[in-house]
Protein backbone atom coordinates (compact mmCIF):
# COMPACT_ATOMS: atom_id res chain seq x y z
CA MET A 1 40.62 252.37 193.23
CA ALA A 2 42.21 250.00 195.75
CA TYR A 3 45.29 248.01 194.98
CA ILE A 4 47.34 245.31 196.60
CA LYS A 5 50.39 246.97 198.07
CA SER A 6 52.42 243.86 198.70
CA LEU A 7 52.53 240.18 199.46
CA THR A 8 54.51 239.66 202.61
CA LEU A 9 54.92 237.17 205.43
CA LEU A 10 52.53 238.70 207.94
CA LYS A 11 53.05 236.94 211.26
CA THR A 12 49.61 237.27 212.84
CA ARG A 13 47.04 237.77 210.08
CA TRP A 14 46.06 236.74 206.58
CA GLY A 15 45.55 240.26 205.36
CA THR A 16 45.26 243.86 206.40
CA CYS A 17 44.27 247.09 204.78
CA ASN A 18 44.45 250.85 205.03
CA PRO A 19 41.24 252.22 203.50
CA LYS A 20 42.43 255.81 203.73
CA ALA A 21 45.54 255.01 201.66
CA LYS A 22 43.54 252.52 199.52
CA ARG A 23 46.06 249.75 200.13
CA ILE A 24 45.78 246.07 200.95
CA TRP A 25 48.51 243.76 202.21
CA LEU A 26 48.14 239.99 201.91
CA ASN A 27 50.05 237.23 203.64
CA LEU A 28 52.28 235.41 201.18
CA GLU A 29 51.23 232.10 202.80
CA LEU A 30 47.80 232.49 201.16
CA ILE A 31 49.39 231.21 197.94
CA LYS A 32 49.55 227.76 199.58
CA LYS A 33 45.91 227.80 200.68
CA PRO A 34 42.73 226.92 198.74
CA THR A 35 41.71 229.57 196.21
CA GLU A 36 38.45 230.32 198.01
CA CYS A 37 40.47 231.30 201.10
CA LEU A 38 42.44 233.85 199.10
CA GLU A 39 39.19 235.15 197.60
CA TYR A 40 37.66 235.45 201.07
CA VAL A 41 40.61 237.44 202.45
CA ILE A 42 40.59 239.80 199.47
CA LEU A 43 36.82 240.31 199.78
CA HIS A 44 37.15 240.82 203.54
CA GLU A 45 39.78 243.52 203.09
CA LEU A 46 37.87 245.21 200.25
CA ALA A 47 34.73 245.25 202.40
CA HIS A 48 36.62 247.43 204.88
CA PHE A 49 36.76 250.13 202.20
CA ILE A 50 32.96 250.35 202.50
CA GLU A 51 32.47 249.45 206.17
CA ARG A 52 35.32 249.84 208.63
CA HIS A 53 33.97 247.69 211.46
CA HIS A 54 32.87 244.04 211.58
CA ASN A 55 29.23 244.95 212.09
CA LYS A 56 26.02 243.76 210.39
CA ASN A 57 26.61 246.04 207.39
CA PHE A 58 30.08 244.53 206.93
CA LYS A 59 28.67 241.01 207.13
CA ALA A 60 25.93 241.93 204.64
CA ILE A 61 28.64 242.90 202.13
CA LEU A 62 30.32 239.53 202.60
CA ASP A 63 26.95 237.76 202.29
CA LYS A 64 26.21 239.56 199.03
CA TYR A 65 29.47 238.72 197.28
CA MET A 66 30.36 235.38 198.92
CA PRO A 67 27.31 233.70 200.46
CA ASN A 68 29.44 230.86 201.90
CA TRP A 69 32.02 233.19 203.50
CA LYS A 70 31.43 231.78 207.01
CA ILE A 71 32.36 228.27 205.87
CA THR A 72 35.44 229.59 204.07
CA LYS A 73 36.43 231.68 207.09
CA ASP A 74 36.16 228.61 209.34
CA LYS A 75 38.26 226.59 206.89
CA LEU A 76 40.92 229.32 206.82
CA ASN A 77 40.96 229.65 210.61
CA LYS A 78 41.73 225.92 210.90
CA LEU A 79 44.81 226.30 208.70
CA ASN A 80 48.21 227.31 210.03
CA LEU A 81 49.28 230.88 209.45
């Protein structure tokens, strides 16, 4: 089972994970963003537990659980970190 290790002020990313250690770190700034952005980052990091790289299998996981992930990702990328 994966768990969120900490909420911290990451300087260059919204989230990161270590699948081997089953840990996820989220940027504390996500609290100020729309809920769907937080959901996208959590899903993105959890998807890395199944598929390490951003390949078609990874994108298929995102498509399955959040069909509008590309729109949400674009929205998040337009927001300040």
